[in-house]
């Protein structure tokens, strides 16, 4: 995660911030960035593959 993105996140918060809420937002930002990297590198499944996997889990 780039420091600039963390700064922008912190700057967007109100003056009084709950530390747990801040950590939650940082964690979410990190997960979204990881998902974007997976998409860029083709590490994704199409809808049909997801449906097949879920179907196998539920049966």
PDB file of N, CA and C in Angstrom:
ATOM      1  N   UNK A   1       0.849  -1.166   0.000  1.00  0.00           N
ATOM      2  CA  UNK A   1       0.000   0.000   0.000  1.00  0.00           C
ATOM      3  C   UNK A   1       0.898   1.234   0.000  1.00  0.00           C
ATOM      4  N   UNK A   2       0.548   2.173  -0.822  1.00  0.00           N
ATOM      5  CA  UNK A   2       1.358   3.386  -0.914  1.00  0.00           C
ATOM      6  C   UNK A   2       0.994   4.373   0.199  1.00  0.00           C
ATOM      7  N   UNK A   3       2.026   5.025   0.686  1.00  0.00           N
ATOM      8  CA  UNK A   3       1.847   5.985   1.777  1.00  0.00           C
ATOM      9  C   UNK A   3       0.859   7.084   1.386  1.00  0.00           C
ATOM     10  N   UNK A   4       0.889   7.485   0.122  1.00  0.00           N
ATOM     11  CA  UNK A   4      -0.004   8.537  -0.344  1.00  0.00           C
ATOM     12  C   UNK A   4      -1.472   8.126  -0.188  1.00  0.00           C
ATOM     13  N   UNK A   5      -1.775   6.863  -0.467  1.00  0.00           N
ATOM     14  CA  UNK A   5      -3.153   6.390  -0.311  1.00  0.00           C
ATOM     15  C   UNK A   5      -3.567   6.400   1.157  1.00  0.00           C
ATOM     16  N   UNK A   6      -2.643   6.051   2.032  1.00  0.00           N
ATOM     17  CA  UNK A   6      -2.934   6.078   3.469  1.00  0.00           C
ATOM     18  C   UNK A   6      -3.193   7.511   3.910  1.00  0.00           C
ATOM     19  N   UNK A   7      -2.383   8.429   3.434  1.00  0.00           N
ATOM     20  CA  UNK A   7      -2.581   9.849   3.783  1.00  0.00           C
ATOM     21  C   UNK A   7      -3.945  10.337   3.324  1.00  0.00           C
ATOM     22  N   UNK A   8      -4.323   9.992   2.085  1.00  0.00           N
ATOM     23  CA  UNK A   8      -5.626  10.430   1.575  1.00  0.00           C
ATOM     24  C   UNK A   8      -6.762   9.843   2.405  1.00  0.00           C
ATOM     25  N   UNK A   9      -6.608   8.591   2.811  1.00  0.00           N
ATOM     26  CA  UNK A   9      -7.623   7.965   3.655  1.00  0.00           C
ATOM     27  C   UNK A   9      -7.731   8.702   4.984  1.00  0.00           C
ATOM     28  N   UNK A  10      -6.602   8.958   5.615  1.00  0.00           N
ATOM     29  CA  UNK A  10      -6.592   9.657   6.902  1.00  0.00           C
ATOM     30  C   UNK A  10      -7.164  11.062   6.745  1.00  0.00           C
ATOM     31  N   UNK A  11      -6.806  11.746   5.669  1.00  0.00           N
ATOM     32  CA  UNK A  11      -7.324  13.094   5.440  1.00  0.00           C
ATOM     33  C   UNK A  11      -8.837  13.109   5.231  1.00  0.00           C
ATOM     34  N   UNK A  12      -9.400  12.007   4.749  1.00  0.00           N
ATOM     35  CA  UNK A  12     -10.840  11.962   4.497  1.00  0.00           C
ATOM     36  C   UNK A  12     -11.651  11.690   5.765  1.00  0.00           C
ATOM     37  N   UNK A  13     -10.979  11.329   6.840  1.00  0.00           N
ATOM     38  CA  UNK A  13     -11.666  10.996   8.085  1.00  0.00           C
ATOM     39  C   UNK A  13     -12.000  12.255   8.885  1.00  0.00           C
ATOM     40  N   UNK A  14     -12.991  12.160   9.770  1.00  0.00           N
ATOM     41  CA  UNK A  14     -13.296  13.301  10.644  1.00  0.00           C
ATOM     42  C   UNK A  14     -12.156  13.537  11.639  1.00  0.00           C
ATOM     43  N   UNK A  15     -12.193  14.674  12.326  1.00  0.00           N
ATOM     44  CA  UNK A  15     -11.128  15.020  13.270  1.00  0.00           C
ATOM     45  C   UNK A  15     -11.026  14.021  14.421  1.00  0.00           C
ATOM     46  N   UNK A  16     -12.148  13.512  14.881  1.00  0.00           N
ATOM     47  CA  UNK A  16     -12.163  12.501  15.942  1.00  0.00           C
ATOM     48  C   UNK A  16     -12.395  11.144  15.292  1.00  0.00           C
ATOM     49  N   UNK A  17     -11.429  10.247  15.453  1.00  0.00           N
ATOM     50  CA  UNK A  17     -11.497   8.954  14.771  1.00  0.00           C
ATOM     51  C   UNK A  17     -11.333   7.824  15.772  1.00  0.00           C
ATOM     52  N   UNK A  18     -12.171   6.818  15.637  1.00  0.00           N
ATOM     53  CA  UNK A  18     -12.047   5.595  16.408  1.00  0.00           C
ATOM     54  C   UNK A  18     -10.934   4.774  15.763  1.00  0.00           C
ATOM     55  N   UNK A  19      -9.959   4.345  16.543  1.00  0.00           N
ATOM     56  CA  UNK A  19      -8.809   3.614  16.010  1.00  0.00           C
ATOM     57  C   UNK A  19      -9.254   2.323  15.331  1.00  0.00           C
ATOM     58  N   UNK A  20     -10.232   1.642  15.895  1.00  0.00           N
ATOM     59  CA  UNK A  20     -10.725   0.411  15.278  1.00  0.00           C
ATOM     60  C   UNK A  20     -11.313   0.687  13.895  1.00  0.00           C
ATOM     61  N   UNK A  21     -12.033   1.785  13.758  1.00  0.00           N
ATOM     62  CA  UNK A  21     -12.610   2.144  12.461  1.00  0.00           C
ATOM     63  C   UNK A  21     -11.505   2.458  11.451  1.00  0.00           C
ATOM     64  N   UNK A  22     -10.459   3.133  11.901  1.00  0.00           N
ATOM     65  CA  UNK A  22      -9.331   3.442  11.023  1.00  0.00           C
ATOM     66  C   UNK A  22      -8.660   2.162  10.543  1.00  0.00           C
ATOM     67  N   UNK A  23      -8.417   1.242  11.462  1.00  0.00           N
ATOM     68  CA  UNK A  23      -7.779  -0.027  11.095  1.00  0.00           C
ATOM     69  C   UNK A  23      -8.667  -0.800  10.127  1.00  0.00           C
ATOM     70  N   UNK A  24      -9.967  -0.776  10.355  1.00  0.00           N
ATOM     71  CA  UNK A  24     -10.900  -1.465   9.462  1.00  0.00           C
ATOM     72  C   UNK A  24     -10.839  -0.877   8.053  1.00  0.00           C
ATOM     73  N   UNK A  25     -10.792   0.446   7.961  1.00  0.00           N
ATOM     74  CA  UNK A  25     -10.709   1.097   6.648  1.00  0.00           C
ATOM     75  C   UNK A  25      -9.385   0.777   5.957  1.00  0.00           C
ATOM     76  N   UNK A  26      -8.293   0.757   6.701  1.00  0.00           N
ATOM     77  CA  UNK A  26      -6.995   0.406   6.122  1.00  0.00           C
ATOM     78  C   UNK A  26      -6.995  -1.039   5.630  1.00  0.00           C
ATOM     79  N   UNK A  27      -7.587  -1.923   6.405  1.00  0.00           N
ATOM     80  CA  UNK A  27      -7.670  -3.334   6.021  1.00  0.00           C
ATOM     81  C   UNK A  27      -8.492  -3.490   4.738  1.00  0.00           C
ATOM     82  N   UNK A  28      -9.613  -2.781   4.658  1.00  0.00           N
ATOM     83  CA  UNK A  28     -10.453  -2.828   3.467  1.00  0.00           C
ATOM     84  C   UNK A  28      -9.690  -2.308   2.249  1.00  0.00           C
ATOM     85  N   UNK A  29      -9.001  -1.195   2.400  1.00  0.00           N
ATOM     86  CA  UNK A  29      -8.212  -0.643   1.298  1.00  0.00           C
ATOM     87  C   UNK A  29      -7.160  -1.639   0.836  1.00  0.00           C
ATOM     88  N   UNK A  30      -6.500  -2.296   1.770  1.00  0.00           N
ATOM     89  CA  UNK A  30      -5.485  -3.294   1.435  1.00  0.00           C
ATOM     90  C   UNK A  30      -6.100  -4.459   0.663  1.00  0.00           C
ATOM     91  N   UNK A  31      -7.252  -4.942   1.104  1.00  0.00           N
ATOM     92  CA  UNK A  31      -7.917  -6.059   0.425  1.00  0.00           C
ATOM     93  C   UNK A  31      -8.380  -5.660  -0.975  1.00  0.00           C
ATOM     94  N   UNK A  32      -8.880  -4.434  -1.126  1.00  0.00           N
ATOM     95  CA  UNK A  32      -9.303  -3.975  -2.448  1.00  0.00           C
ATOM     96  C   UNK A  32      -8.117  -3.872  -3.403  1.00  0.00           C
ATOM     97  N   UNK A  33      -6.990  -3.380  -2.905  1.00  0.00           N
ATOM     98  CA  UNK A  33      -5.794  -3.305  -3.742  1.00  0.00           C
ATOM     99  C   UNK A  33      -5.321  -4.698  -4.144  1.00  0.00           C
ATOM    100  N   UNK A  34      -5.387  -5.649  -3.225  1.00  0.00           N
ATOM    101  CA  UNK A  34      -4.989  -7.028  -3.542  1.00  0.00           C
ATOM    102  C   UNK A  34      -5.910  -7.610  -4.610  1.00  0.00           C
ATOM    103  N   UNK A  35      -7.200  -7.344  -4.502  1.00  0.00           N
ATOM    104  CA  UNK A  35      -8.155  -7.835  -5.499  1.00  0.00           C
ATOM    105  C   UNK A  35      -7.882  -7.216  -6.866  1.00  0.00           C
ATOM    106  N   UNK A  36      -7.561  -5.927  -6.891  1.00  0.00           N
ATOM    107  CA  UNK A  36      -7.233  -5.274  -8.162  1.00  0.00           C
ATOM    108  C   UNK A  36      -5.994  -5.898  -8.795  1.00  0.00           C
ATOM    109  N   UNK A  37      -4.997  -6.234  -7.980  1.00  0.00           N
ATOM    110  CA  UNK A  37      -3.789  -6.889  -8.516  1.00  0.00           C
ATOM    111  C   UNK A  37      -4.131  -8.259  -9.089  1.00  0.00           C
ATOM    112  N   UNK A  38      -5.014  -8.993  -8.415  1.00  0.00           N
ATOM    113  CA  UNK A  38      -5.427 -10.303  -8.922  1.00  0.00           C
ATOM    114  C   UNK A  38      -6.137 -10.165 -10.265  1.00  0.00           C
ATOM    115  N   UNK A  39      -6.974  -9.168 -10.398  1.00  0.00           N
ATOM    116  CA  UNK A  39      -7.679  -8.936 -11.660  1.00  0.00           C
ATOM    117  C   UNK A  39      -6.679  -8.606 -12.760  1.00  0.00           C
ATOM    118  N   UNK A  40      -5.723  -7.730 -12.463  1.00  0.00           N
ATOM    119  CA  UNK A  40      -4.722  -7.329 -13.453  1.00  0.00           C
ATOM    120  C   UNK A  40      -3.874  -8.500 -13.929  1.00  0.00           C
ATOM    121  N   UNK A  41      -3.624  -9.474 -13.051  1.00  0.00           N
ATOM    122  CA  UNK A  41      -2.775 -10.609 -13.417  1.00  0.00           C
ATOM    123  C   UNK A  41      -3.586 -11.809 -13.893  1.00  0.00           C
ATOM    124  N   UNK A  42      -4.897 -11.645 -14.016  1.00  0.00           N
ATOM    125  CA  UNK A  42      -5.738 -12.714 -14.535  1.00  0.00           C
ATOM    126  C   UNK A  42      -6.059 -13.812 -13.544  1.00  0.00           C
ATOM    127  N   UNK A  43      -5.840 -13.567 -12.275  1.00  0.00           N
ATOM    128  CA  UNK A  43      -6.131 -14.573 -11.245  1.00  0.00           C
ATOM    129  C   UNK A  43      -7.574 -14.425 -10.766  1.00  0.00           C
ATOM    130  N   UNK A  44      -8.495 -14.649 -11.707  1.00  0.00           N
ATOM    131  CA  UNK A  44      -9.917 -14.520 -11.410  1.00  0.00           C
ATOM    132  C   UNK A  44     -10.664 -15.717 -11.984  1.00  0.00           C
ATOM    133  N   UNK A  45     -11.897 -15.905 -11.518  1.00  0.00           N
ATOM    134  CA  UNK A  45     -12.764 -16.959 -12.040  1.00  0.00           C
ATOM    135  C   UNK A  45     -13.968 -16.306 -12.697  1.00  0.00           C
ATOM    136  N   UNK A  46     -14.453 -16.921 -13.771  1.00  0.00           N
ATOM    137  CA  UNK A  46     -15.671 -16.388 -14.367  1.00  0.00           C
ATOM    138  C   UNK A  46     -16.885 -16.878 -13.572  1.00  0.00           C
ATOM    139  N   UNK A  47     -18.029 -16.313 -13.892  1.00  0.00           N
ATOM    140  CA  UNK A  47     -19.255 -16.581 -13.136  1.00  0.00           C
ATOM    141  C   UNK A  47     -19.610 -18.067 -13.146  1.00  0.00           C
ATOM    142  N   UNK A  48     -19.482 -18.713 -14.289  1.00  0.00           N
ATOM    143  CA  UNK A  48     -19.833 -20.134 -14.397  1.00  0.00           C
ATOM    144  C   UNK A  48     -18.949 -20.990 -13.490  1.00  0.00           C
ATOM    145  N   UNK A  49     -17.661 -20.673 -13.418  1.00  0.00           N
ATOM    146  CA  UNK A  49     -16.755 -21.435 -12.558  1.00  0.00           C
ATOM    147  C   UNK A  49     -17.113 -21.251 -11.082  1.00  0.00           C
ATOM    148  N   UNK A  50     -17.451 -20.047 -10.708  1.00  0.00           N
ATOM    149  CA  UNK A  50     -17.851 -19.783  -9.320  1.00  0.00           C
ATOM    150  C   UNK A  50     -19.122 -20.557  -8.985  1.00  0.00           C
ATOM    151  N   UNK A  51     -20.097 -20.526  -9.884  1.00  0.00           N
ATOM    152  CA  UNK A  51     -21.341 -21.263  -9.639  1.00  0.00           C
ATOM    153  C   UNK A  51     -21.065 -22.754  -9.484  1.00  0.00           C
ATOM    154  N   UNK A  52     -20.175 -23.294 -10.301  1.00  0.00           N
ATOM    155  CA  UNK A  52     -19.832 -24.707 -10.201  1.00  0.00           C
ATOM    156  C   UNK A  52     -19.190 -25.046  -8.875  1.00  0.00           C
ATOM    157  N   UNK A  53     -18.270 -24.218  -8.436  1.00  0.00           N
ATOM    158  CA  UNK A  53     -17.607 -24.467  -7.148  1.00  0.00           C
ATOM    159  C   UNK A  53     -18.587 -24.387  -5.988  1.00  0.00           C
ATOM    160  N   UNK A  54     -19.438 -23.372  -5.995  1.00  0.00           N
ATOM    161  CA  UNK A  54     -20.417 -23.218  -4.920  1.00  0.00           C
ATOM    162  C   UNK A  54     -21.373 -24.408  -4.917  1.00  0.00           C
ATOM    163  N   UNK A  55     -21.776 -24.836  -6.084  1.00  0.00           N
ATOM    164  CA  UNK A  55     -22.671 -25.986  -6.184  1.00  0.00           C
ATOM    165  C   UNK A  55     -22.033 -27.229  -5.570  1.00  0.00           C
ATOM    166  N   UNK A  56     -20.758 -27.445  -5.832  1.00  0.00           N
ATOM    167  CA  UNK A  56     -20.058 -28.606  -5.251  1.00  0.00           C
ATOM    168  C   UNK A  56     -19.952 -28.477  -3.733  1.00  0.00           C
ATOM    169  N   UNK A  57     -19.742 -27.269  -3.225  1.00  0.00           N
ATOM    170  CA  UNK A  57     -19.639 -27.072  -1.776  1.00  0.00           C
ATOM    171  C   UNK A  57     -20.965 -27.378  -1.085  1.00  0.00           C
ATOM    172  N   UNK A  58     -22.056 -27.013  -1.743  1.00  0.00           N
ATOM    173  CA  UNK A  58     -23.371 -27.139  -1.116  1.00  0.00           C
ATOM    174  C   UNK A  58     -23.959 -28.537  -1.244  1.00  0.00           C
ATOM    175  N   UNK A  59     -23.394 -29.345  -2.101  1.00  0.00           N
ATOM    176  CA  UNK A  59     -23.927 -30.710  -2.293  1.00  0.00           C
ATOM    177  C   UNK A  59     -23.131 -31.731  -1.552  1.00  0.00           C
TER     178      UNK A  59
END
